[in-house]
Amino acid sequence: MTLIIQTVIRNIVPFILIFGAYVTVFGHLSPGGGFAGGSILATGLILERFLNSESKRPQIVTKAVCMKGVSFSLVGYGLIKGIAFFEGATHTHLVTWPKGTQGSLVSGGVIPVLNILIGIIVMFSFVLIFDLFNEPIVMENVEEKQ
């Protein structure tokens, strides 16, 4: 990778990550949301992986961090969605979700939290898929049978 490409990646990745966080957090107010924001965030992390693979530096987000992030986000999403389904089916309101003011950041009840969790799941899943395809293939020597 040339010095120009390394410099461009190093300078553009923070802006990609900020934009991805913006799309994820404000997804309930504007076009975007968890999947779109998570995809943008994953793009930034994958570019960072390209940069660090050339310079042999350690990666910022390891596979273990990705697995933990996906696992905890899936559990959190399942719990929040399960509570919401339970409350809707039984018409009980054991947990009151703050609705906030319409059009402000804190609005939409539980939807912004779910968007953030989906963004984390998508981001780490895309990075794991990239790592899966980016691993070198090791071929073992197989002797021909005679």
N, C-alpha and C. Protein backbone atom coordinates (compact mmCIF):
# COMPACT_ATOMS: atom_id res chain seq x y z
N MET A 1 0.85 -1.16 0.00
CA MET A 1 0.00 0.00 0.00
C MET A 1 0.90 1.23 0.00
N THR A 2 0.58 2.17 -0.85
CA THR A 2 1.43 3.36 -0.99
C THR A 2 1.22 4.31 0.18
N LEU A 3 2.15 5.22 0.32
CA LEU A 3 2.09 6.21 1.40
C LEU A 3 0.87 7.11 1.25
N ILE A 4 0.49 7.42 0.02
CA ILE A 4 -0.67 8.28 -0.21
C ILE A 4 -1.94 7.60 0.29
N ILE A 5 -2.11 6.33 -0.04
CA ILE A 5 -3.31 5.60 0.38
C ILE A 5 -3.33 5.46 1.90
N GLN A 6 -2.19 5.17 2.50
CA GLN A 6 -2.12 5.07 3.96
C GLN A 6 -2.51 6.39 4.62
N THR A 7 -2.03 7.49 4.08
CA THR A 7 -2.35 8.80 4.64
C THR A 7 -3.84 9.12 4.50
N VAL A 8 -4.41 8.80 3.34
CA VAL A 8 -5.83 9.06 3.12
C VAL A 8 -6.67 8.22 4.07
N ILE A 9 -6.36 6.94 4.20
CA ILE A 9 -7.12 6.07 5.10
C ILE A 9 -6.99 6.56 6.54
N ARG A 10 -5.79 6.89 6.96
CA ARG A 10 -5.57 7.34 8.33
C ARG A 10 -6.38 8.61 8.63
N ASN A 11 -6.52 9.49 7.64
CA ASN A 11 -7.23 10.74 7.87
C ASN A 11 -8.73 10.64 7.68
N ILE A 12 -9.22 9.67 6.92
CA ILE A 12 -10.65 9.59 6.63
C ILE A 12 -11.40 8.67 7.59
N VAL A 13 -10.72 7.72 8.22
CA VAL A 13 -11.39 6.76 9.10
C VAL A 13 -12.11 7.45 10.26
N PRO A 14 -11.54 8.43 10.95
CA PRO A 14 -12.29 9.07 12.04
C PRO A 14 -13.60 9.71 11.57
N PHE A 15 -13.60 10.31 10.38
CA PHE A 15 -14.82 10.93 9.86
C PHE A 15 -15.86 9.87 9.50
N ILE A 16 -15.41 8.73 8.98
CA ILE A 16 -16.33 7.64 8.67
C ILE A 16 -16.98 7.12 9.95
N LEU A 17 -16.19 6.96 11.00
CA LEU A 17 -16.72 6.46 12.26
C LEU A 17 -17.70 7.45 12.89
N ILE A 18 -17.39 8.73 12.83
CA ILE A 18 -18.30 9.75 13.37
C ILE A 18 -19.61 9.77 12.59
N PHE A 19 -19.52 9.70 11.26
CA PHE A 19 -20.74 9.69 10.44
C PHE A 19 -21.57 8.45 10.71
N GLY A 20 -20.92 7.29 10.85
CA GLY A 20 -21.65 6.06 11.15
C GLY A 20 -22.36 6.13 12.50
N ALA A 21 -21.68 6.71 13.50
CA ALA A 21 -22.33 6.88 14.81
C ALA A 21 -23.52 7.83 14.70
N TYR A 22 -23.38 8.90 13.92
CA TYR A 22 -24.48 9.84 13.71
C TYR A 22 -25.68 9.16 13.06
N VAL A 23 -25.44 8.39 12.01
CA VAL A 23 -26.53 7.71 11.30
C VAL A 23 -27.22 6.71 12.23
N THR A 24 -26.46 6.04 13.08
CA THR A 24 -27.04 5.07 14.00
C THR A 24 -27.88 5.75 15.08
N VAL A 25 -27.34 6.78 15.70
CA VAL A 25 -28.02 7.42 16.83
C VAL A 25 -29.25 8.21 16.37
N PHE A 26 -29.16 8.88 15.23
CA PHE A 26 -30.27 9.70 14.75
C PHE A 26 -31.15 8.94 13.74
N GLY A 27 -31.07 7.63 13.72
CA GLY A 27 -31.81 6.83 12.75
C GLY A 27 -33.31 6.89 12.91
N HIS A 28 -33.79 7.18 14.10
CA HIS A 28 -35.24 7.25 14.30
C HIS A 28 -35.80 8.61 13.90
N LEU A 29 -34.94 9.58 13.59
CA LEU A 29 -35.38 10.91 13.18
C LEU A 29 -35.14 11.20 11.71
N SER A 30 -34.24 10.48 11.11
CA SER A 30 -33.87 10.74 9.71
C SER A 30 -33.61 9.40 9.03
N PRO A 31 -33.40 9.42 7.71
CA PRO A 31 -33.09 8.16 7.03
C PRO A 31 -31.81 7.55 7.62
N GLY A 32 -31.86 6.30 7.84
CA GLY A 32 -30.71 5.61 8.42
C GLY A 32 -31.21 4.65 9.48
N GLY A 33 -30.41 4.43 10.47
CA GLY A 33 -30.78 3.52 11.55
C GLY A 33 -29.65 2.57 11.85
N GLY A 34 -30.00 1.48 12.49
CA GLY A 34 -29.00 0.54 12.96
C GLY A 34 -28.23 -0.15 11.86
N PHE A 35 -28.92 -0.65 10.84
CA PHE A 35 -28.22 -1.39 9.80
C PHE A 35 -27.33 -0.46 8.97
N ALA A 36 -27.86 0.68 8.56
CA ALA A 36 -27.07 1.61 7.74
C ALA A 36 -25.88 2.15 8.53
N GLY A 37 -26.12 2.55 9.78
CA GLY A 37 -25.04 3.07 10.60
C GLY A 37 -24.00 2.01 10.92
N GLY A 38 -24.45 0.79 11.20
CA GLY A 38 -23.51 -0.30 11.46
C GLY A 38 -22.65 -0.62 10.24
N SER A 39 -23.24 -0.52 9.06
CA SER A 39 -22.48 -0.77 7.82
C SER A 39 -21.40 0.29 7.64
N ILE A 40 -21.74 1.54 7.92
CA ILE A 40 -20.77 2.63 7.79
C ILE A 40 -19.66 2.47 8.82
N LEU A 41 -20.03 2.13 10.05
CA LEU A 41 -19.02 1.92 11.09
C LEU A 41 -18.09 0.75 10.73
N ALA A 42 -18.67 -0.32 10.19
CA ALA A 42 -17.85 -1.47 9.78
C ALA A 42 -16.88 -1.09 8.68
N THR A 43 -17.31 -0.21 7.77
CA THR A 43 -16.40 0.25 6.72
C THR A 43 -15.18 0.94 7.31
N GLY A 44 -15.40 1.78 8.31
CA GLY A 44 -14.28 2.45 8.97
C GLY A 44 -13.35 1.47 9.65
N LEU A 45 -13.91 0.47 10.34
CA LEU A 45 -13.07 -0.50 11.02
C LEU A 45 -12.31 -1.40 10.04
N ILE A 46 -12.94 -1.73 8.93
CA ILE A 46 -12.26 -2.56 7.92
C ILE A 46 -11.12 -1.78 7.27
N LEU A 47 -11.34 -0.51 6.99
CA LEU A 47 -10.24 0.32 6.46
C LEU A 47 -9.10 0.40 7.46
N GLU A 48 -9.44 0.50 8.73
CA GLU A 48 -8.40 0.52 9.78
C GLU A 48 -7.65 -0.79 9.80
N ARG A 49 -8.33 -1.91 9.54
CA ARG A 49 -7.66 -3.21 9.47
C ARG A 49 -6.68 -3.27 8.30
N PHE A 50 -7.08 -2.71 7.15
CA PHE A 50 -6.16 -2.65 6.02
C PHE A 50 -4.91 -1.86 6.39
N LEU A 51 -5.10 -0.74 7.03
CA LEU A 51 -3.98 0.12 7.41
C LEU A 51 -3.06 -0.58 8.39
N ASN A 52 -3.61 -1.24 9.41
CA ASN A 52 -2.79 -1.89 10.41
C ASN A 52 -2.15 -3.18 9.91
N SER A 53 -2.75 -3.82 8.90
CA SER A 53 -2.13 -5.04 8.38
C SER A 53 -0.85 -4.70 7.62
N GLU A 54 -0.80 -3.53 7.01
CA GLU A 54 0.41 -3.12 6.29
C GLU A 54 1.53 -2.73 7.25
N SER A 55 1.18 -2.06 8.34
CA SER A 55 2.21 -1.58 9.26
C SER A 55 2.49 -2.56 10.39
N LYS A 56 1.81 -3.70 10.41
CA LYS A 56 2.00 -4.76 11.41
C LYS A 56 1.71 -4.27 12.83
N ARG A 57 0.83 -3.28 12.96
CA ARG A 57 0.43 -2.82 14.29
C ARG A 57 -0.71 -3.68 14.78
N PRO A 58 -0.92 -3.75 16.10
CA PRO A 58 -2.06 -4.53 16.60
C PRO A 58 -3.38 -3.86 16.22
N GLN A 59 -4.40 -4.67 16.05
CA GLN A 59 -5.69 -4.14 15.64
C GLN A 59 -6.40 -3.51 16.84
N ILE A 60 -7.18 -2.49 16.56
CA ILE A 60 -7.92 -1.81 17.63
C ILE A 60 -9.05 -2.72 18.12
N VAL A 61 -9.76 -3.32 17.20
CA VAL A 61 -10.88 -4.20 17.54
C VAL A 61 -10.51 -5.62 17.15
N THR A 62 -10.33 -6.47 18.15
CA THR A 62 -9.94 -7.85 17.90
C THR A 62 -11.19 -8.72 17.68
N LYS A 63 -10.96 -9.96 17.28
CA LYS A 63 -12.08 -10.88 17.08
C LYS A 63 -12.83 -11.16 18.37
N ALA A 64 -12.10 -11.22 19.48
CA ALA A 64 -12.75 -11.46 20.77
C ALA A 64 -13.67 -10.31 21.14
N VAL A 65 -13.24 -9.09 20.89
CA VAL A 65 -14.08 -7.92 21.16
C VAL A 65 -15.32 -7.95 20.26
N CYS A 66 -15.14 -8.34 19.01
CA CYS A 66 -16.29 -8.44 18.08
C CYS A 66 -17.29 -9.47 18.57
N MET A 67 -16.82 -10.64 18.99
CA MET A 67 -17.72 -11.68 19.46
C MET A 67 -18.47 -11.26 20.72
N LYS A 68 -17.77 -10.62 21.65
CA LYS A 68 -18.43 -10.15 22.87
C LYS A 68 -19.45 -9.06 22.55
N GLY A 69 -19.10 -8.15 21.65
CA GLY A 69 -20.01 -7.08 21.28
C GLY A 69 -21.28 -7.61 20.63
N VAL A 70 -21.12 -8.56 19.71
CA VAL A 70 -22.29 -9.16 19.06
C VAL A 70 -23.14 -9.91 20.09
N SER A 71 -22.50 -10.67 20.96
CA SER A 71 -23.24 -11.47 21.94
C SER A 71 -24.03 -10.60 22.90
N PHE A 72 -23.37 -9.61 23.51
CA PHE A 72 -24.06 -8.75 24.47
C PHE A 72 -25.16 -7.92 23.80
N SER A 73 -24.93 -7.47 22.58
CA SER A 73 -25.94 -6.68 21.88
C SER A 73 -27.15 -7.54 21.52
N LEU A 74 -26.92 -8.78 21.10
CA LEU A 74 -28.03 -9.68 20.79
C LEU A 74 -28.86 -10.00 22.03
N VAL A 75 -28.18 -10.22 23.15
CA VAL A 75 -28.91 -10.50 24.40
C VAL A 75 -29.71 -9.27 24.82
N GLY A 76 -29.08 -8.09 24.75
CA GLY A 76 -29.79 -6.86 25.10
C GLY A 76 -30.98 -6.60 24.21
N TYR A 77 -30.80 -6.81 22.90
CA TYR A 77 -31.90 -6.63 21.95
C TYR A 77 -33.04 -7.60 22.26
N GLY A 78 -32.68 -8.86 22.52
CA GLY A 78 -33.70 -9.86 22.83
C GLY A 78 -34.46 -9.53 24.10
N LEU A 79 -33.76 -9.07 25.13
CA LEU A 79 -34.44 -8.72 26.38
C LEU A 79 -35.38 -7.54 26.19
N ILE A 80 -34.90 -6.49 25.54
CA ILE A 80 -35.74 -5.30 25.35
C ILE A 80 -36.94 -5.63 24.48
N LYS A 81 -36.72 -6.34 23.40
CA LYS A 81 -37.82 -6.70 22.51
C LYS A 81 -38.78 -7.66 23.20
N GLY A 82 -38.25 -8.59 24.00
CA GLY A 82 -39.11 -9.52 24.73
C GLY A 82 -40.01 -8.81 25.73
N ILE A 83 -39.45 -7.83 26.44
CA ILE A 83 -40.26 -7.06 27.38
C ILE A 83 -41.34 -6.28 26.63
N ALA A 84 -40.97 -5.68 25.51
CA ALA A 84 -41.95 -4.92 24.72
C ALA A 84 -43.06 -5.83 24.21
N PHE A 85 -42.73 -7.02 23.71
CA PHE A 85 -43.75 -7.95 23.23
C PHE A 85 -44.64 -8.43 24.38
N PHE A 86 -44.04 -8.71 25.53
CA PHE A 86 -44.81 -9.16 26.68
C PHE A 86 -45.79 -8.09 27.12
N GLU A 87 -45.33 -6.86 27.20
CA GLU A 87 -46.22 -5.77 27.62
C GLU A 87 -47.34 -5.55 26.61
N GLY A 88 -47.04 -5.66 25.32
CA GLY A 88 -48.07 -5.47 24.31
C GLY A 88 -49.09 -6.58 24.30
N ALA A 89 -48.64 -7.81 24.54
CA ALA A 89 -49.56 -8.95 24.50
C ALA A 89 -50.46 -9.01 25.72
N THR A 90 -49.94 -8.60 26.88
CA THR A 90 -50.73 -8.70 28.11
C THR A 90 -51.40 -7.38 28.49
N HIS A 91 -51.13 -6.34 27.75
CA HIS A 91 -51.66 -5.00 28.02
C HIS A 91 -51.29 -4.51 29.42
N THR A 92 -50.13 -4.96 29.90
CA THR A 92 -49.61 -4.45 31.17
C THR A 92 -48.46 -3.51 30.85
N HIS A 93 -48.31 -2.53 31.65
CA HIS A 93 -47.22 -1.56 31.44
C HIS A 93 -46.33 -1.57 32.68
N LEU A 94 -45.60 -2.67 32.81
CA LEU A 94 -44.70 -2.81 33.95
C LEU A 94 -43.51 -1.88 33.83
N VAL A 95 -43.00 -1.73 32.62
CA VAL A 95 -41.88 -0.83 32.35
C VAL A 95 -42.40 0.28 31.45
N THR A 96 -42.26 1.52 31.89
CA THR A 96 -42.70 2.63 31.06
C THR A 96 -41.49 3.20 30.33
N TRP A 97 -41.54 3.16 29.03
CA TRP A 97 -40.45 3.68 28.21
C TRP A 97 -40.68 5.17 28.02
N PRO A 98 -39.71 6.02 28.34
CA PRO A 98 -39.92 7.46 28.14
C PRO A 98 -40.04 7.79 26.65
N LYS A 99 -41.10 8.49 26.31
CA LYS A 99 -41.35 8.83 24.91
C LYS A 99 -40.55 10.05 24.47
N GLY A 100 -40.30 10.98 25.36
CA GLY A 100 -39.54 12.17 25.00
C GLY A 100 -40.38 13.15 24.19
N THR A 101 -39.71 14.16 23.67
CA THR A 101 -40.37 15.17 22.85
C THR A 101 -40.21 14.81 21.39
N GLN A 102 -41.30 14.88 20.65
CA GLN A 102 -41.27 14.51 19.24
C GLN A 102 -40.28 15.40 18.47
N GLY A 103 -39.40 14.77 17.69
CA GLY A 103 -38.41 15.49 16.89
C GLY A 103 -37.09 15.71 17.59
N SER A 104 -37.00 15.43 18.90
CA SER A 104 -35.74 15.59 19.60
C SER A 104 -34.99 14.25 19.63
N LEU A 105 -33.74 14.31 20.06
CA LEU A 105 -32.92 13.09 20.09
C LEU A 105 -33.51 12.05 21.02
N VAL A 106 -33.99 12.48 22.18
CA VAL A 106 -34.58 11.55 23.13
C VAL A 106 -36.08 11.47 22.84
N SER A 107 -36.41 10.71 21.82
CA SER A 107 -37.80 10.47 21.46
C SER A 107 -37.89 9.08 20.83
N GLY A 108 -39.08 8.60 20.68
CA GLY A 108 -39.25 7.30 20.03
C GLY A 108 -39.23 6.14 20.99
N GLY A 109 -39.23 6.41 22.30
CA GLY A 109 -39.26 5.32 23.28
C GLY A 109 -38.01 4.47 23.23
N VAL A 110 -38.19 3.20 22.90
CA VAL A 110 -37.10 2.24 22.93
C VAL A 110 -36.42 2.10 21.57
N ILE A 111 -36.97 2.72 20.54
CA ILE A 111 -36.43 2.57 19.18
C ILE A 111 -34.98 3.03 19.06
N PRO A 112 -34.57 4.18 19.63
CA PRO A 112 -33.15 4.56 19.51
C PRO A 112 -32.20 3.55 20.16
N VAL A 113 -32.61 2.97 21.27
CA VAL A 113 -31.76 1.96 21.92
C VAL A 113 -31.63 0.73 21.03
N LEU A 114 -32.73 0.31 20.42
CA LEU A 114 -32.69 -0.84 19.52
C LEU A 114 -31.84 -0.52 18.29
N ASN A 115 -31.92 0.70 17.77
CA ASN A 115 -31.08 1.09 16.64
C ASN A 115 -29.60 0.99 16.99
N ILE A 116 -29.23 1.44 18.17
CA ILE A 116 -27.82 1.38 18.58
C ILE A 116 -27.38 -0.08 18.71
N LEU A 117 -28.21 -0.92 19.32
CA LEU A 117 -27.86 -2.34 19.45
C LEU A 117 -27.74 -3.01 18.09
N ILE A 118 -28.64 -2.71 17.17
CA ILE A 118 -28.55 -3.28 15.82
C ILE A 118 -27.30 -2.79 15.12
N GLY A 119 -26.96 -1.51 15.31
CA GLY A 119 -25.73 -0.97 14.72
C GLY A 119 -24.49 -1.70 15.21
N ILE A 120 -24.45 -1.99 16.50
CA ILE A 120 -23.30 -2.72 17.06
C ILE A 120 -23.25 -4.13 16.49
N ILE A 121 -24.40 -4.79 16.40
CA ILE A 121 -24.44 -6.16 15.86
C ILE A 121 -23.95 -6.18 14.41
N VAL A 122 -24.47 -5.26 13.60
CA VAL A 122 -24.09 -5.22 12.18
C VAL A 122 -22.61 -4.89 12.02
N MET A 123 -22.14 -3.89 12.78
CA MET A 123 -20.74 -3.48 12.66
C MET A 123 -19.79 -4.64 12.96
N PHE A 124 -19.98 -5.27 14.11
CA PHE A 124 -19.07 -6.35 14.49
C PHE A 124 -19.24 -7.58 13.60
N SER A 125 -20.47 -7.84 13.14
CA SER A 125 -20.68 -9.00 12.25
C SER A 125 -19.96 -8.79 10.92
N PHE A 126 -20.04 -7.58 10.36
CA PHE A 126 -19.33 -7.32 9.10
C PHE A 126 -17.82 -7.42 9.27
N VAL A 127 -17.30 -6.96 10.41
CA VAL A 127 -15.86 -7.07 10.64
C VAL A 127 -15.46 -8.54 10.78
N LEU A 128 -16.28 -9.34 11.46
CA LEU A 128 -15.99 -10.77 11.57
C LEU A 128 -16.04 -11.48 10.22
N ILE A 129 -17.01 -11.11 9.38
CA ILE A 129 -17.08 -11.69 8.03
C ILE A 129 -15.86 -11.30 7.22
N PHE A 130 -15.44 -10.04 7.34
CA PHE A 130 -14.23 -9.61 6.64
C PHE A 130 -13.02 -10.41 7.11
N ASP A 131 -12.89 -10.59 8.42
CA ASP A 131 -11.76 -11.37 8.95
C ASP A 131 -11.80 -12.81 8.47
N LEU A 132 -13.00 -13.35 8.35
CA LEU A 132 -13.14 -14.73 7.89
C LEU A 132 -12.63 -14.87 6.45
N PHE A 133 -12.97 -13.92 5.61
CA PHE A 133 -12.53 -13.99 4.22
C PHE A 133 -11.10 -13.51 4.03
N ASN A 134 -10.57 -12.79 4.99
CA ASN A 134 -9.23 -12.22 4.85
C ASN A 134 -8.14 -13.14 5.40
N GLU A 135 -8.52 -14.20 6.10
CA GLU A 135 -7.52 -15.12 6.64
C GLU A 135 -6.83 -15.87 5.51
N PRO A 136 -5.52 -16.05 5.63
CA PRO A 136 -4.83 -16.82 4.59
C PRO A 136 -5.22 -18.30 4.65
N ILE A 137 -5.31 -18.89 3.50
CA ILE A 137 -5.66 -20.29 3.41
C ILE A 137 -4.37 -21.10 3.50
N VAL A 138 -4.35 -22.03 4.42
CA VAL A 138 -3.16 -22.87 4.62
C VAL A 138 -3.47 -24.24 4.04
N MET A 139 -2.68 -24.60 3.06
CA MET A 139 -2.86 -25.91 2.43
C MET A 139 -1.82 -26.86 3.02
N GLU A 140 -2.30 -27.99 3.48
CA GLU A 140 -1.38 -28.99 4.02
C GLU A 140 -0.82 -29.82 2.88
N ASN A 141 0.38 -30.28 3.08
CA ASN A 141 1.00 -31.15 2.07
C ASN A 141 0.37 -32.54 2.17
N VAL A 142 -0.20 -32.93 1.08
CA VAL A 142 -0.82 -34.25 1.03
C VAL A 142 -0.02 -35.09 0.02
N GLU A 143 0.50 -36.16 0.52
CA GLU A 143 1.28 -37.03 -0.36
C GLU A 143 0.33 -37.90 -1.18
N GLU A 144 0.67 -38.06 -2.39
CA GLU A 144 -0.17 -38.88 -3.26
C GLU A 144 -0.03 -40.34 -2.84
N LYS A 145 -1.17 -41.00 -2.82
CA LYS A 145 -1.16 -42.42 -2.49
C LYS A 145 -0.82 -43.22 -3.73
N GLN A 146 0.03 -44.19 -3.57
CA GLN A 146 0.45 -45.00 -4.71
C GLN A 146 -0.13 -46.37 -4.63
